[in-house]
Amino acid sequence: MIKTLEIFWQFFLLGWTSFGGPAAHIGYFRHAFVERLQWLSDEQYSQLVALSQFLPGPGSSQVGFAIGYRRAGLLGGCAAFVGFTLPSFVILLAIAMSSHAFFDASWYQGVIAGLKLLAVVVVADAIIQMYRSFCQRSLTVALCVFSAAILLIVPGVLAQMAVLVLAAGIGWRWLPASTDKHENYRIKVWPLVLFGGLLLLLPLVAGQRPLLTLFSDFYQAGSMVFGGGHVVLPLLQNTTKDLINTDTFLTGYAAAQAIPGPMFTLSAYLGYFASESMPVLGAVIATIAIFLPGFLLVIGMLHAWQAVAGRARVAGAISGINASVVGLLVAAMYSPVFVSAVHTSLELVLALVGFYLLRVRRWPVYWLVGLAIVLGVLILKA
């Protein structure tokens, strides 16, 4: 129980401060759980990141769930999910209930501007650390550069998946590990059966039951999305178009980009408006439904993935994926993280100072969060 509470608290703190989307979240998680708390090694963390790239659902939230699950079982995974998701859920629910009461306030915009700069700093630090760990050979450096170049020129989920598959193939062929560890596969069947059963049966049994239909619609969206939060938006817009007008949807989208935590908690905002009779319950149901499929797949595949990762050829494929993920982070560092945060020379200077304080002076991230908020309100407010 103590471990579970510790997991909840660590992720709860991150849930209030993790701005910048999935790329930034990976940086925040690495800083917290690999460097500061040392709950897992760089290699173990890279395996979780690699697994999340090939499963549908919210990538960074799946990594967080897997960290909690590794540390304290199913309760630990649930504690990580609730802790990381609760802040953004509360914020988006409050925004839905208050209907733009403070969204346009200059002080709020200043806070967001400061924290977006912090995301630039954290992602840049993560790129350097991961580059040093995963790009130690000329081929892995080439994969990193190639992946970044392709994703900068041709952004999108299909390009991302193609690059990762190609990197895995190259790693399989030319980067095998020196040792071959043979471990037993431990696929958990019940989560995979539950995932498939809900995916196939929910649309058939939902009928005219509004809340069950809501759960089914958001579960389908979470089951079909590869590539993270922004990719789920077209599916959600199509799912809710008969229940929510375009202006309301776009307001929620803007709010979800401006707050910390996973983009998938946009489902809380949409669920509130999609359920007229019980809006708060609708927000809870939509949020659970959209995250559930990705977490069921993590539970089913995590131990098997770790066993498979010990094979020489598979380890080579993971090395290729890890190098490609660094390139993916470089591309994400530019867009959307950098281009959405840095518009003036002053903002660039503040980002450089923040990077110096984190990288050289080793300031804790929560100190930088406070500094980013103060500077945002005093200097960067609209």
Protein backbone atom coordinates (compact mmCIF):
# COMPACT_ATOMS: atom_id res chain seq x y z
CA MET A 1 0.00 0.00 0.00
CA ILE A 2 2.87 2.40 0.77
CA LYS A 3 4.35 1.74 -2.67
CA THR A 4 0.98 2.39 -4.28
CA LEU A 5 0.56 5.69 -2.45
CA GLU A 6 4.09 6.72 -3.42
CA ILE A 7 3.36 5.92 -7.06
CA PHE A 8 0.15 7.94 -6.93
CA TRP A 9 1.90 10.93 -5.34
CA GLN A 10 4.81 10.99 -7.80
CA PHE A 11 2.48 10.80 -10.80
CA PHE A 12 0.07 13.27 -9.23
CA LEU A 13 2.86 15.85 -9.01
CA LEU A 14 3.81 15.16 -12.62
CA GLY A 15 0.16 15.47 -13.64
CA TRP A 16 0.15 19.12 -12.55
CA THR A 17 3.42 20.04 -14.25
CA SER A 18 3.80 17.88 -17.37
CA PHE A 19 3.14 20.35 -20.16
CA GLY A 20 4.12 19.82 -23.79
CA GLY A 21 2.44 16.61 -24.93
CA PRO A 22 3.73 13.01 -25.19
CA ALA A 23 7.30 13.92 -26.15
CA ALA A 24 7.65 16.14 -23.10
CA HIS A 25 5.97 13.53 -20.87
CA ILE A 26 8.60 10.97 -21.88
CA GLY A 27 11.23 13.48 -20.80
CA TYR A 28 9.51 14.20 -17.49
CA PHE A 29 9.06 10.48 -16.76
CA ARG A 30 12.67 9.70 -17.55
CA HIS A 31 13.92 12.51 -15.32
CA ALA A 32 11.66 11.43 -12.44
CA PHE A 33 11.80 7.62 -12.56
CA VAL A 34 15.17 6.84 -14.16
CA GLU A 35 17.40 9.65 -12.92
CA ARG A 36 15.84 10.93 -9.68
CA LEU A 37 14.00 7.95 -8.14
CA GLN A 38 15.86 5.18 -10.01
CA TRP A 39 12.79 2.94 -10.16
CA LEU A 40 14.08 1.44 -13.42
CA SER A 41 17.15 1.56 -15.63
CA ASP A 42 17.57 3.38 -18.92
CA GLU A 43 17.32 0.04 -20.75
CA GLN A 44 14.11 -0.93 -18.97
CA TYR A 45 12.61 2.50 -19.61
CA SER A 46 13.53 2.34 -23.29
CA GLN A 47 11.75 -1.03 -23.57
CA LEU A 48 8.56 0.53 -22.18
CA VAL A 49 8.81 3.45 -24.61
CA ALA A 50 9.41 1.07 -27.51
CA LEU A 51 6.38 -1.05 -26.52
CA SER A 52 4.15 2.03 -26.31
CA GLN A 53 5.08 2.99 -29.87
CA PHE A 54 3.49 -0.19 -31.25
CA LEU A 55 0.31 -0.32 -29.18
CA PRO A 56 -2.80 1.76 -29.81
CA GLY A 57 -3.69 4.27 -27.15
CA PRO A 58 -2.06 7.18 -25.33
CA GLY A 59 1.68 6.47 -25.59
CA SER A 60 2.98 8.49 -22.64
CA SER A 61 0.13 7.38 -20.36
CA GLN A 62 0.86 3.77 -21.29
CA VAL A 63 4.49 4.28 -20.29
CA GLY A 64 3.35 5.78 -16.97
CA PHE A 65 0.90 2.93 -16.37
CA ALA A 66 3.62 0.39 -17.17
CA ILE A 67 6.03 2.04 -14.70
CA GLY A 68 3.42 1.80 -11.93
CA TYR A 69 2.49 -1.75 -12.97
CA ARG A 70 6.13 -2.88 -12.86
CA ARG A 71 6.59 -1.42 -9.41
CA ALA A 72 3.40 -2.47 -7.61
CA GLY A 73 1.26 -4.61 -9.91
CA LEU A 74 -2.21 -3.68 -11.10
CA LEU A 75 -2.84 -1.34 -8.17
CA GLY A 76 0.41 0.46 -8.97
CA GLY A 77 -0.58 0.86 -12.60
CA CYS A 78 -4.00 2.21 -11.61
CA ALA A 79 -2.37 4.57 -9.10
CA ALA A 80 -0.05 5.90 -11.81
CA PHE A 81 -2.99 6.41 -14.18
CA VAL A 82 -5.19 8.16 -11.63
CA GLY A 83 -2.35 10.32 -10.32
CA PHE A 84 -1.19 11.46 -13.76
CA THR A 85 -4.66 11.92 -15.23
CA LEU A 86 -6.56 13.43 -12.30
CA PRO A 87 -5.16 16.99 -12.56
CA SER A 88 -6.01 17.42 -16.24
CA PHE A 89 -9.37 15.70 -15.71
CA VAL A 90 -10.25 18.16 -12.93
CA ILE A 91 -9.08 21.16 -14.96
CA LEU A 92 -11.00 20.19 -18.10
CA LEU A 93 -14.11 19.34 -16.10
CA ALA A 94 -13.87 22.73 -14.37
CA ILE A 95 -13.46 24.46 -17.74
CA ALA A 96 -16.51 22.65 -19.08
CA MET A 97 -18.54 23.65 -16.02
CA SER A 98 -17.36 27.26 -15.87
CA SER A 99 -17.57 27.84 -19.66
CA HIS A 100 -14.62 30.11 -20.43
CA ALA A 101 -14.67 32.10 -17.17
CA PHE A 102 -10.89 32.59 -17.14
CA PHE A 103 -9.62 31.01 -20.35
CA ASP A 104 -8.83 34.36 -22.01
CA ALA A 105 -7.33 36.02 -18.92
CA SER A 106 -3.87 37.47 -19.53
CA TRP A 107 -2.36 35.96 -16.36
CA TYR A 108 -3.54 32.49 -17.40
CA GLN A 109 -2.05 32.90 -20.85
CA GLY A 110 1.20 33.99 -19.21
CA VAL A 111 1.30 30.88 -17.03
CA ILE A 112 0.76 28.69 -20.10
CA ALA A 113 3.49 30.53 -22.04
CA GLY A 114 5.99 30.02 -19.22
CA LEU A 115 5.20 26.34 -18.84
CA LYS A 116 5.45 25.74 -22.59
CA LEU A 117 9.00 27.09 -22.39
CA LEU A 118 9.67 24.63 -19.57
CA ALA A 119 8.51 21.82 -21.89
CA VAL A 120 11.18 22.93 -24.41
CA VAL A 121 13.82 22.65 -21.69
CA VAL A 122 12.71 19.22 -20.48
CA VAL A 123 12.45 17.72 -23.97
CA ALA A 124 15.88 19.08 -24.93
CA ASP A 125 17.40 17.53 -21.81
CA ALA A 126 15.68 14.18 -22.53
CA ILE A 127 17.00 14.20 -26.10
CA ILE A 128 20.58 14.68 -24.92
CA GLN A 129 20.32 11.94 -22.30
CA MET A 130 18.64 9.47 -24.64
CA TYR A 131 21.03 10.27 -27.48
CA ARG A 132 23.98 9.42 -25.23
CA SER A 133 22.34 6.15 -24.21
CA PHE A 134 20.94 4.94 -27.53
CA CYS A 135 23.08 6.50 -30.27
CA GLN A 136 26.55 5.20 -29.49
CA ARG A 137 27.25 3.58 -32.88
CA SER A 138 27.43 5.16 -36.30
CA LEU A 139 24.37 3.22 -37.50
CA THR A 140 22.22 4.30 -34.55
CA VAL A 141 23.29 7.92 -35.07
CA ALA A 142 22.30 7.58 -38.73
CA LEU A 143 18.92 6.12 -37.75
CA CYS A 144 18.34 9.01 -35.35
CA VAL A 145 19.16 11.65 -37.98
CA PHE A 146 17.19 9.83 -40.70
CA SER A 147 14.11 9.50 -38.47
CA ALA A 148 14.20 13.16 -37.46
CA ALA A 149 14.62 14.29 -41.08
CA ILE A 150 11.76 12.17 -42.40
CA LEU A 151 9.34 13.19 -39.64
CA LEU A 152 10.21 16.86 -40.01
CA ILE A 153 9.57 16.69 -43.76
CA VAL A 154 6.60 14.29 -43.68
CA PRO A 155 4.92 14.61 -40.26
CA GLY A 156 2.13 12.25 -39.36
CA VAL A 157 1.35 8.90 -37.79
CA LEU A 158 1.85 6.82 -40.94
CA ALA A 159 5.31 8.27 -41.47
CA GLN A 160 6.14 7.70 -37.80
CA MET A 161 5.05 4.07 -37.90
CA ALA A 162 6.90 3.47 -41.19
CA VAL A 163 10.11 4.95 -39.78
CA LEU A 164 9.88 2.85 -36.60
CA VAL A 165 9.23 -0.35 -38.56
CA LEU A 166 12.16 0.38 -40.87
CA ALA A 167 14.43 1.14 -37.89
CA ALA A 168 13.34 -2.12 -36.23
CA GLY A 169 14.19 -4.06 -39.40
CA ILE A 170 17.61 -2.44 -39.70
CA GLY A 171 18.31 -3.08 -36.03
CA TRP A 172 17.18 -6.71 -36.36
CA ARG A 173 19.59 -7.27 -39.23
CA TRP A 174 22.63 -5.17 -38.30
CA LEU A 175 22.42 -4.41 -34.54
CA PRO A 176 21.90 -7.77 -32.80
CA ALA A 177 22.96 -7.98 -29.16
CA SER A 178 26.10 -9.94 -28.29
CA THR A 179 24.18 -12.31 -25.99
CA ASP A 180 20.92 -14.16 -26.49
CA LYS A 181 18.80 -14.44 -23.34
CA HIS A 182 16.14 -17.12 -23.43
CA GLU A 183 13.27 -16.40 -21.09
CA ASN A 184 9.76 -17.78 -20.97
CA TYR A 185 7.05 -15.78 -22.70
CA ARG A 186 4.41 -14.62 -20.25
CA ILE A 187 1.50 -13.26 -22.21
CA LYS A 188 -1.50 -12.57 -19.98
CA VAL A 189 -4.53 -13.80 -21.86
CA TRP A 190 -7.40 -12.28 -19.86
CA PRO A 191 -6.57 -8.62 -20.63
CA LEU A 192 -6.31 -9.39 -24.36
CA VAL A 193 -9.59 -11.33 -24.33
CA LEU A 194 -11.27 -8.49 -22.43
CA PHE A 195 -9.85 -5.93 -24.87
CA GLY A 196 -11.16 -7.82 -27.90
CA GLY A 197 -14.46 -8.73 -26.28
CA LEU A 198 -15.28 -5.13 -25.37
CA LEU A 199 -14.18 -3.92 -28.80
CA LEU A 200 -16.50 -6.35 -30.60
CA LEU A 201 -19.45 -6.64 -28.22
CA LEU A 202 -19.98 -3.11 -26.88
CA PRO A 203 -21.45 -1.73 -30.12
CA LEU A 204 -23.84 -4.68 -30.24
CA VAL A 205 -25.18 -4.38 -26.68
CA ALA A 206 -25.14 -0.59 -26.23
CA GLY A 207 -28.46 -0.12 -28.03
CA GLN A 208 -30.39 2.90 -26.79
CA ARG A 209 -28.59 3.12 -23.44
CA PRO A 210 -26.88 6.56 -23.53
CA LEU A 211 -24.14 5.94 -20.97
CA LEU A 212 -23.22 2.52 -22.37
CA THR A 213 -23.20 4.01 -25.87
CA LEU A 214 -20.91 6.77 -24.60
CA PHE A 215 -18.55 4.18 -23.09
CA SER A 216 -18.59 2.17 -26.32
CA ASP A 217 -17.86 5.19 -28.55
CA PHE A 218 -14.88 6.36 -26.50
CA TYR A 219 -13.57 2.81 -26.06
CA GLN A 220 -13.62 2.36 -29.84
CA ALA A 221 -11.70 5.64 -30.26
CA GLY A 222 -9.04 4.59 -27.74
CA SER A 223 -8.68 1.20 -29.43
CA MET A 224 -8.08 2.56 -32.91
CA VAL A 225 -5.58 5.35 -32.35
CA PHE A 226 -1.85 5.03 -32.92
CA GLY A 227 0.42 8.00 -32.38
CA GLY A 228 -0.80 9.80 -29.29
CA GLY A 229 -3.22 12.50 -28.27
CA HIS A 230 -3.47 14.71 -31.33
CA VAL A 231 -4.31 11.74 -33.54
CA VAL A 232 -7.41 10.88 -31.51
CA LEU A 233 -9.03 14.24 -32.27
CA PRO A 234 -10.54 13.38 -35.68
CA LEU A 235 -12.05 10.19 -34.23
CA LEU A 236 -13.48 12.05 -31.24
CA GLN A 237 -14.87 14.81 -33.40
CA ASN A 238 -16.59 12.26 -35.61
CA THR A 239 -17.83 10.36 -32.54
CA THR A 240 -19.37 13.42 -30.86
CA LYS A 241 -20.45 15.50 -33.88
CA ASP A 242 -24.15 14.78 -33.27
CA LEU A 243 -23.87 15.68 -29.58
CA ILE A 244 -21.40 18.60 -29.45
CA ASN A 245 -21.20 21.58 -31.78
CA THR A 246 -17.93 22.47 -33.50
CA ASP A 247 -17.24 25.59 -31.40
CA THR A 248 -17.58 23.64 -28.16
CA PHE A 249 -15.32 20.88 -29.48
CA LEU A 250 -12.61 23.31 -30.60
CA THR A 251 -12.72 25.13 -27.25
CA GLY A 252 -12.07 21.84 -25.49
CA TYR A 253 -9.26 21.05 -27.92
CA ALA A 254 -7.59 24.40 -27.23
CA ALA A 255 -7.95 23.90 -23.48
CA ALA A 256 -6.52 20.36 -23.67
CA GLN A 257 -3.42 21.69 -25.43
CA ALA A 258 -2.92 24.42 -22.85
CA ILE A 259 -3.04 22.29 -19.70
CA PRO A 260 -0.67 19.65 -18.26
CA GLY A 261 -1.20 15.92 -18.58
CA PRO A 262 -2.37 13.64 -21.38
CA MET A 263 -4.31 15.01 -24.36
CA PHE A 264 -6.69 12.05 -24.05
CA THR A 265 -8.34 13.74 -21.06
CA LEU A 266 -10.10 15.88 -23.63
CA SER A 267 -12.58 13.01 -23.28
CA ALA A 268 -13.60 14.41 -19.87
CA TYR A 269 -14.62 17.71 -21.45
CA LEU A 270 -16.44 15.99 -24.32
CA GLY A 271 -18.11 13.44 -22.05
CA TYR A 272 -19.48 16.27 -19.92
CA PHE A 273 -21.26 17.85 -22.88
CA ALA A 274 -22.22 14.53 -24.50
CA SER A 275 -24.24 13.41 -21.45
CA GLU A 276 -26.96 15.96 -20.75
CA SER A 277 -28.67 14.08 -17.92
CA MET A 278 -25.53 13.20 -15.91
CA PRO A 279 -22.65 15.31 -17.27
CA VAL A 280 -20.09 14.63 -14.52
CA LEU A 281 -20.71 10.88 -14.73
CA GLY A 282 -20.42 11.19 -18.50
CA ALA A 283 -17.00 12.83 -18.09
CA VAL A 284 -15.81 9.97 -15.85
CA ILE A 285 -17.14 7.26 -18.17
CA ALA A 286 -15.62 8.82 -21.31
CA THR A 287 -12.22 9.20 -19.61
CA ILE A 288 -12.08 5.62 -18.34
CA ALA A 289 -13.30 4.25 -21.67
CA ILE A 290 -10.72 5.98 -23.84
CA PHE A 291 -7.75 4.95 -21.66
CA LEU A 292 -8.89 1.39 -20.89
CA PRO A 293 -7.99 -0.39 -24.18
CA GLY A 294 -4.39 0.83 -24.18
CA PHE A 295 -3.91 -0.26 -20.57
CA LEU A 296 -5.40 -3.72 -21.18
CA LEU A 297 -2.89 -4.22 -24.00
CA VAL A 298 0.00 -3.12 -21.75
CA ILE A 299 -1.04 -5.61 -19.04
CA GLY A 300 -1.31 -8.41 -21.58
CA MET A 301 1.93 -7.73 -23.43
CA LEU A 302 4.35 -6.19 -20.92
CA HIS A 303 5.97 -9.33 -19.50
CA ALA A 304 6.06 -11.05 -22.88
CA TRP A 305 7.69 -7.95 -24.36
CA GLN A 306 10.36 -7.96 -21.66
CA ALA A 307 11.07 -11.66 -22.27
CA VAL A 308 11.22 -11.24 -26.03
CA ALA A 309 13.46 -8.19 -25.64
CA GLY A 310 16.21 -10.47 -24.29
CA ARG A 311 16.65 -12.22 -27.65
CA ALA A 312 19.67 -11.02 -29.60
CA ARG A 313 17.83 -10.12 -32.80
CA VAL A 314 14.91 -8.56 -30.95
CA ALA A 315 17.33 -6.55 -28.80
CA GLY A 316 18.87 -5.31 -32.05
CA ALA A 317 15.43 -4.30 -33.30
CA ILE A 318 14.81 -2.43 -30.03
CA SER A 319 18.18 -0.66 -30.43
CA GLY A 320 17.03 0.51 -33.86
CA ILE A 321 13.68 1.62 -32.45
CA ASN A 322 15.34 3.47 -29.57
CA ALA A 323 17.60 5.39 -31.95
CA SER A 324 14.59 6.19 -34.10
CA VAL A 325 12.61 7.35 -31.06
CA VAL A 326 15.40 9.84 -30.30
CA GLY A 327 14.94 11.17 -33.83
CA LEU A 328 11.19 11.24 -33.25
CA LEU A 329 11.78 13.35 -30.15
CA VAL A 330 14.03 15.70 -32.12
CA ALA A 331 11.22 16.21 -34.65
CA ALA A 332 8.67 16.68 -31.84
CA MET A 333 11.08 19.09 -30.15
CA TYR A 334 10.75 21.34 -33.17
CA SER A 335 7.04 20.82 -33.79
CA PRO A 336 4.89 21.13 -31.79
CA VAL A 337 7.01 21.85 -28.69
CA PHE A 338 9.44 24.56 -29.88
CA VAL A 339 7.28 26.30 -32.48
CA SER A 340 4.36 26.60 -30.06
CA ALA A 341 6.51 27.97 -27.22
CA VAL A 342 9.25 30.17 -28.72
CA HIS A 343 8.13 33.16 -30.80
CA THR A 344 10.54 35.90 -29.71
CA SER A 345 14.23 36.26 -28.88
CA LEU A 346 13.30 36.84 -25.23
CA GLU A 347 11.50 33.49 -25.07
CA LEU A 348 14.53 31.81 -26.64
CA VAL A 349 16.82 33.41 -24.05
CA LEU A 350 14.55 32.24 -21.20
CA ALA A 351 14.52 28.71 -22.62
CA LEU A 352 18.33 28.70 -22.80
CA VAL A 353 18.57 29.92 -19.20
CA GLY A 354 16.14 27.22 -18.11
CA PHE A 355 18.20 24.60 -19.92
CA TYR A 356 21.34 25.84 -18.16
CA LEU A 357 19.62 25.68 -14.75
CA LEU A 358 18.36 22.13 -15.36
CA ARG A 359 21.32 20.66 -17.20
CA VAL A 360 24.29 22.40 -15.56
CA ARG A 361 23.06 23.67 -12.19
CA ARG A 362 20.82 20.58 -11.73
CA TRP A 363 17.83 22.50 -10.44
CA PRO A 364 14.86 20.27 -9.51
CA VAL A 365 12.06 20.42 -12.05
CA TYR A 366 9.56 21.74 -9.48
CA TRP A 367 11.82 24.78 -8.91
CA LEU A 368 11.77 25.38 -12.64
CA VAL A 369 7.98 25.02 -12.69
CA GLY A 370 7.69 27.82 -10.13
CA LEU A 371 10.16 29.98 -12.03
CA ALA A 372 8.34 29.36 -15.32
CA ILE A 373 5.00 30.40 -13.78
CA VAL A 374 6.43 33.60 -12.25
CA LEU A 375 8.24 34.60 -15.43
CA GLY A 376 5.20 33.76 -17.51
CA VAL A 377 2.90 35.98 -15.47
CA LEU A 378 5.39 38.87 -15.09
CA ILE A 379 7.06 38.88 -18.52
CA LEU A 380 5.24 36.72 -21.04
CA LYS A 381 1.56 37.37 -20.27
CA ALA A 382 -0.52 38.33 -23.30
